[in-house]
C-alpha cells in the first residue's frame, strides 16, 4: 500500500532503527515509546488486521515476537514484556513489545464493570459466531 507508513519503512523510504529483518518480517524501535526498548514487529506483507493474516504469518510473527521478548527482557532487565496487537493507529498489522517493570506506574487501558446479565450476553454474542 503506497500510503502506509510501515510499507514505506519496509521499502526503506522512511528510516528506522532496525532490530531484526528476514524475508517475511521486520522489527524496529518505536519512535514514540511507552518505555525504553519498546519495539514493533510487522509482517512485510501489507495486512491491515490480524484476523486477515494467513495462519503461517501469525505463527511466524508470534514465534519471532517470543524471541524478541527474550532479548528485550535480558537487554533491559525488565520484569516482563507487555504485548499489544494493533492495526488502528497505522493500518498495518503490528505487534508492540514493551519492556515493563512492576513499579513503572505506566497506565494501562481503561476498564469497566459489567452490569448484571451483561457478561453472559457478551459471551453468547461471541460464541454464536464461532
C-alpha atoms as a PDB file:
ATOM      1  CA  UNK A   1       0.000   0.000   0.000  1.00  0.00           C
ATOM      2  CA  UNK A   2       1.580   3.223  -1.160  1.00  0.00           C
ATOM      3  CA  UNK A   3       0.478   5.490   1.696  1.00  0.00           C
ATOM      4  CA  UNK A   4       1.210   3.014   4.516  1.00  0.00           C
ATOM      5  CA  UNK A   5       3.983   4.243   6.816  1.00  0.00           C
ATOM      6  CA  UNK A   6       5.122   0.712   7.632  1.00  0.00           C
ATOM      7  CA  UNK A   7       5.233  -0.284   3.959  1.00  0.00           C
ATOM      8  CA  UNK A   8       7.433   2.780   3.362  1.00  0.00           C
ATOM      9  CA  UNK A   9       9.718   1.631   6.194  1.00  0.00           C
ATOM     10  CA  UNK A  10       9.899  -1.850   4.637  1.00  0.00           C
ATOM     11  CA  UNK A  11      10.855  -0.266   1.273  1.00  0.00           C
ATOM     12  CA  UNK A  12      13.441   1.911   3.101  1.00  0.00           C
ATOM     13  CA  UNK A  13      11.682   5.093   2.021  1.00  0.00           C
ATOM     14  CA  UNK A  14      11.435   6.030   5.711  1.00  0.00           C
ATOM     15  CA  UNK A  15      14.358   5.221   8.007  1.00  0.00           C
ATOM     16  CA  UNK A  16      14.037   3.043  11.085  1.00  0.00           C
ATOM     17  CA  UNK A  17      16.281   1.701  13.805  1.00  0.00           C
ATOM     18  CA  UNK A  18      16.160  -1.941  12.752  1.00  0.00           C
ATOM     19  CA  UNK A  19      16.240  -4.728  15.327  1.00  0.00           C
ATOM     20  CA  UNK A  20      15.536  -7.761  13.107  1.00  0.00           C
ATOM     21  CA  UNK A  21      14.723  -8.484   9.489  1.00  0.00           C
ATOM     22  CA  UNK A  22      14.132 -11.565   7.370  1.00  0.00           C
ATOM     23  CA  UNK A  23      12.180 -12.277   4.178  1.00  0.00           C
ATOM     24  CA  UNK A  24       8.799 -12.071   5.950  1.00  0.00           C
ATOM     25  CA  UNK A  25       9.133  -9.792   8.982  1.00  0.00           C
ATOM     26  CA  UNK A  26      10.718  -6.595  10.218  1.00  0.00           C
ATOM     27  CA  UNK A  27      11.225  -5.347  13.762  1.00  0.00           C
ATOM     28  CA  UNK A  28      12.321  -1.845  14.701  1.00  0.00           C
ATOM     29  CA  UNK A  29      12.355   0.621  17.591  1.00  0.00           C
ATOM     30  CA  UNK A  30       9.091   2.517  18.130  1.00  0.00           C
ATOM     31  CA  UNK A  31       9.687   6.267  17.676  1.00  0.00           C
ATOM     32  CA  UNK A  32       7.068   7.076  20.351  1.00  0.00           C
ATOM     33  CA  UNK A  33       7.914   4.510  23.038  1.00  0.00           C
ATOM     34  CA  UNK A  34       5.949   3.685  26.142  1.00  0.00           C
ATOM     35  CA  UNK A  35       9.287   2.764  27.716  1.00  0.00           C
ATOM     36  CA  UNK A  36      12.899   2.414  26.558  1.00  0.00           C
ATOM     37  CA  UNK A  37      13.229  -0.643  24.343  1.00  0.00           C
ATOM     38  CA  UNK A  38       9.647  -0.512  23.009  1.00  0.00           C
ATOM     39  CA  UNK A  39       9.801  -2.192  19.608  1.00  0.00           C
ATOM     40  CA  UNK A  40       7.383  -3.072  16.821  1.00  0.00           C
ATOM     41  CA  UNK A  41       7.157  -6.319  14.867  1.00  0.00           C
ATOM     42  CA  UNK A  42       5.453  -6.239  11.468  1.00  0.00           C
ATOM     43  CA  UNK A  43       4.857  -8.589   8.559  1.00  0.00           C
ATOM     44  CA  UNK A  44       6.364  -7.349   5.309  1.00  0.00           C
ATOM     45  CA  UNK A  45       3.120  -8.239   3.563  1.00  0.00           C
ATOM     46  CA  UNK A  46       0.614  -5.398   3.880  1.00  0.00           C
ATOM     47  CA  UNK A  47      -2.105  -6.744   6.171  1.00  0.00           C
ATOM     48  CA  UNK A  48      -4.389  -4.303   7.936  1.00  0.00           C
ATOM     49  CA  UNK A  49      -5.973  -6.508  10.617  1.00  0.00           C
ATOM     50  CA  UNK A  50      -4.541  -9.528  12.396  1.00  0.00           C
ATOM     51  CA  UNK A  51      -7.570 -11.676  11.567  1.00  0.00           C
ATOM     52  CA  UNK A  52      -6.833 -11.140   7.866  1.00  0.00           C
ATOM     53  CA  UNK A  53      -3.369 -12.712   8.153  1.00  0.00           C
ATOM     54  CA  UNK A  54      -2.651 -16.241   6.961  1.00  0.00           C
ATOM     55  CA  UNK A  55      -2.010 -18.770   9.720  1.00  0.00           C
ATOM     56  CA  UNK A  56       1.670 -19.095   8.759  1.00  0.00           C
ATOM     57  CA  UNK A  57       2.102 -15.322   9.090  1.00  0.00           C
ATOM     58  CA  UNK A  58       0.510 -15.418  12.540  1.00  0.00           C
ATOM     59  CA  UNK A  59       2.624 -18.315  13.773  1.00  0.00           C
ATOM     60  CA  UNK A  60       5.766 -16.735  12.323  1.00  0.00           C
ATOM     61  CA  UNK A  61       5.222 -13.298  13.821  1.00  0.00           C
ATOM     62  CA  UNK A  62       4.437 -14.694  17.270  1.00  0.00           C
ATOM     63  CA  UNK A  63       7.462 -17.023  17.223  1.00  0.00           C
ATOM     64  CA  UNK A  64       9.627 -14.045  16.285  1.00  0.00           C
ATOM     65  CA  UNK A  65       7.957 -11.926  18.984  1.00  0.00           C
ATOM     66  CA  UNK A  66       8.822 -14.560  21.589  1.00  0.00           C
ATOM     67  CA  UNK A  67      12.477 -14.458  20.502  1.00  0.00           C
ATOM     68  CA  UNK A  68      12.499 -10.654  20.638  1.00  0.00           C
ATOM     69  CA  UNK A  69      10.758 -10.627  24.036  1.00  0.00           C
ATOM     70  CA  UNK A  70      13.543 -12.800  25.442  1.00  0.00           C
ATOM     71  CA  UNK A  71      16.147 -10.373  24.069  1.00  0.00           C
ATOM     72  CA  UNK A  72      14.260  -7.384  25.500  1.00  0.00           C
ATOM     73  CA  UNK A  73      13.965  -8.971  28.934  1.00  0.00           C
ATOM     74  CA  UNK A  74      17.712  -9.634  29.032  1.00  0.00           C
ATOM     75  CA  UNK A  75      18.701  -6.279  27.500  1.00  0.00           C
ATOM     76  CA  UNK A  76      16.615  -4.109  29.805  1.00  0.00           C
ATOM     77  CA  UNK A  77      16.404  -6.358  32.887  1.00  0.00           C
ATOM     78  CA  UNK A  78      12.669  -5.694  32.846  1.00  0.00           C
ATOM     79  CA  UNK A  79      10.165  -7.687  34.884  1.00  0.00           C
ATOM     80  CA  UNK A  80       8.092  -8.630  31.830  1.00  0.00           C
ATOM     81  CA  UNK A  81       7.379  -7.613  28.249  1.00  0.00           C
ATOM     82  CA  UNK A  82       3.900  -6.351  27.521  1.00  0.00           C
ATOM     83  CA  UNK A  83       2.438  -7.434  24.191  1.00  0.00           C
ATOM     84  CA  UNK A  84      -0.125  -5.357  22.338  1.00  0.00           C
ATOM     85  CA  UNK A  85      -1.525  -6.161  18.901  1.00  0.00           C
ATOM     86  CA  UNK A  86      -2.515  -3.145  16.857  1.00  0.00           C
ATOM     87  CA  UNK A  87      -3.711  -2.037  13.484  1.00  0.00           C
ATOM     88  CA  UNK A  88      -5.680   1.089  14.250  1.00  0.00           C
ATOM     89  CA  UNK A  89      -3.036   3.805  14.635  1.00  0.00           C
ATOM     90  CA  UNK A  90      -1.218   2.697  11.457  1.00  0.00           C
ATOM     91  CA  UNK A  91      -3.341   0.485   9.207  1.00  0.00           C
ATOM     92  CA  UNK A  92      -0.791  -2.343   9.026  1.00  0.00           C
ATOM     93  CA  UNK A  93      -0.940  -5.293  11.433  1.00  0.00           C
ATOM     94  CA  UNK A  94       1.776  -4.896  14.042  1.00  0.00           C
ATOM     95  CA  UNK A  95       2.782  -6.073  17.469  1.00  0.00           C
ATOM     96  CA  UNK A  96       4.123  -3.797  20.192  1.00  0.00           C
ATOM     97  CA  UNK A  97       6.684  -5.337  22.561  1.00  0.00           C
ATOM     98  CA  UNK A  98       7.081  -3.070  25.581  1.00  0.00           C
ATOM     99  CA  UNK A  99       9.584  -3.644  28.409  1.00  0.00           C
ATOM    100  CA  UNK A 100       7.717  -3.213  31.691  1.00  0.00           C
ATOM    101  CA  UNK A 101       8.591  -3.078  35.374  1.00  0.00           C
ATOM    102  CA  UNK A 102       6.239  -3.903  38.236  1.00  0.00           C
ATOM    103  CA  UNK A 103       6.589  -0.405  39.712  1.00  0.00           C
ATOM    104  CA  UNK A 104       6.780   1.630  36.489  1.00  0.00           C
ATOM    105  CA  UNK A 105       3.407   3.342  37.087  1.00  0.00           C
ATOM    106  CA  UNK A 106       2.604   3.233  33.376  1.00  0.00           C
ATOM    107  CA  UNK A 107      -1.095   3.359  32.749  1.00  0.00           C
ATOM    108  CA  UNK A 108      -2.991   0.596  31.027  1.00  0.00           C
ATOM    109  CA  UNK A 109      -6.201   0.896  29.062  1.00  0.00           C
ATOM    110  CA  UNK A 110      -9.369   1.828  30.911  1.00  0.00           C
ATOM    111  CA  UNK A 111     -11.616  -0.947  32.184  1.00  0.00           C
ATOM    112  CA  UNK A 112     -15.246  -1.176  33.139  1.00  0.00           C
ATOM    113  CA  UNK A 113     -17.506  -3.468  35.155  1.00  0.00           C
ATOM    114  CA  UNK A 114     -20.311  -5.417  33.514  1.00  0.00           C
ATOM    115  CA  UNK A 115     -23.799  -4.869  34.861  1.00  0.00           C
ATOM    116  CA  UNK A 116     -25.831  -7.881  35.941  1.00  0.00           C
ATOM    117  CA  UNK A 117     -26.501 -10.161  32.962  1.00  0.00           C
ATOM    118  CA  UNK A 118     -24.247  -8.285  30.527  1.00  0.00           C
ATOM    119  CA  UNK A 119     -21.299 -10.659  30.707  1.00  0.00           C
ATOM    120  CA  UNK A 120     -23.472 -13.612  29.705  1.00  0.00           C
ATOM    121  CA  UNK A 121     -24.902 -11.651  26.759  1.00  0.00           C
ATOM    122  CA  UNK A 122     -21.404 -10.727  25.593  1.00  0.00           C
ATOM    123  CA  UNK A 123     -20.244 -14.354  25.769  1.00  0.00           C
ATOM    124  CA  UNK A 124     -23.334 -15.536  23.876  1.00  0.00           C
ATOM    125  CA  UNK A 125     -22.885 -12.934  21.150  1.00  0.00           C
ATOM    126  CA  UNK A 126     -19.291 -14.083  20.533  1.00  0.00           C
ATOM    127  CA  UNK A 127     -19.884 -17.822  20.764  1.00  0.00           C
ATOM    128  CA  UNK A 128     -22.734 -17.614  18.239  1.00  0.00           C
ATOM    129  CA  UNK A 129     -20.198 -16.501  15.624  1.00  0.00           C
ATOM    130  CA  UNK A 130     -17.770 -19.379  16.208  1.00  0.00           C
END
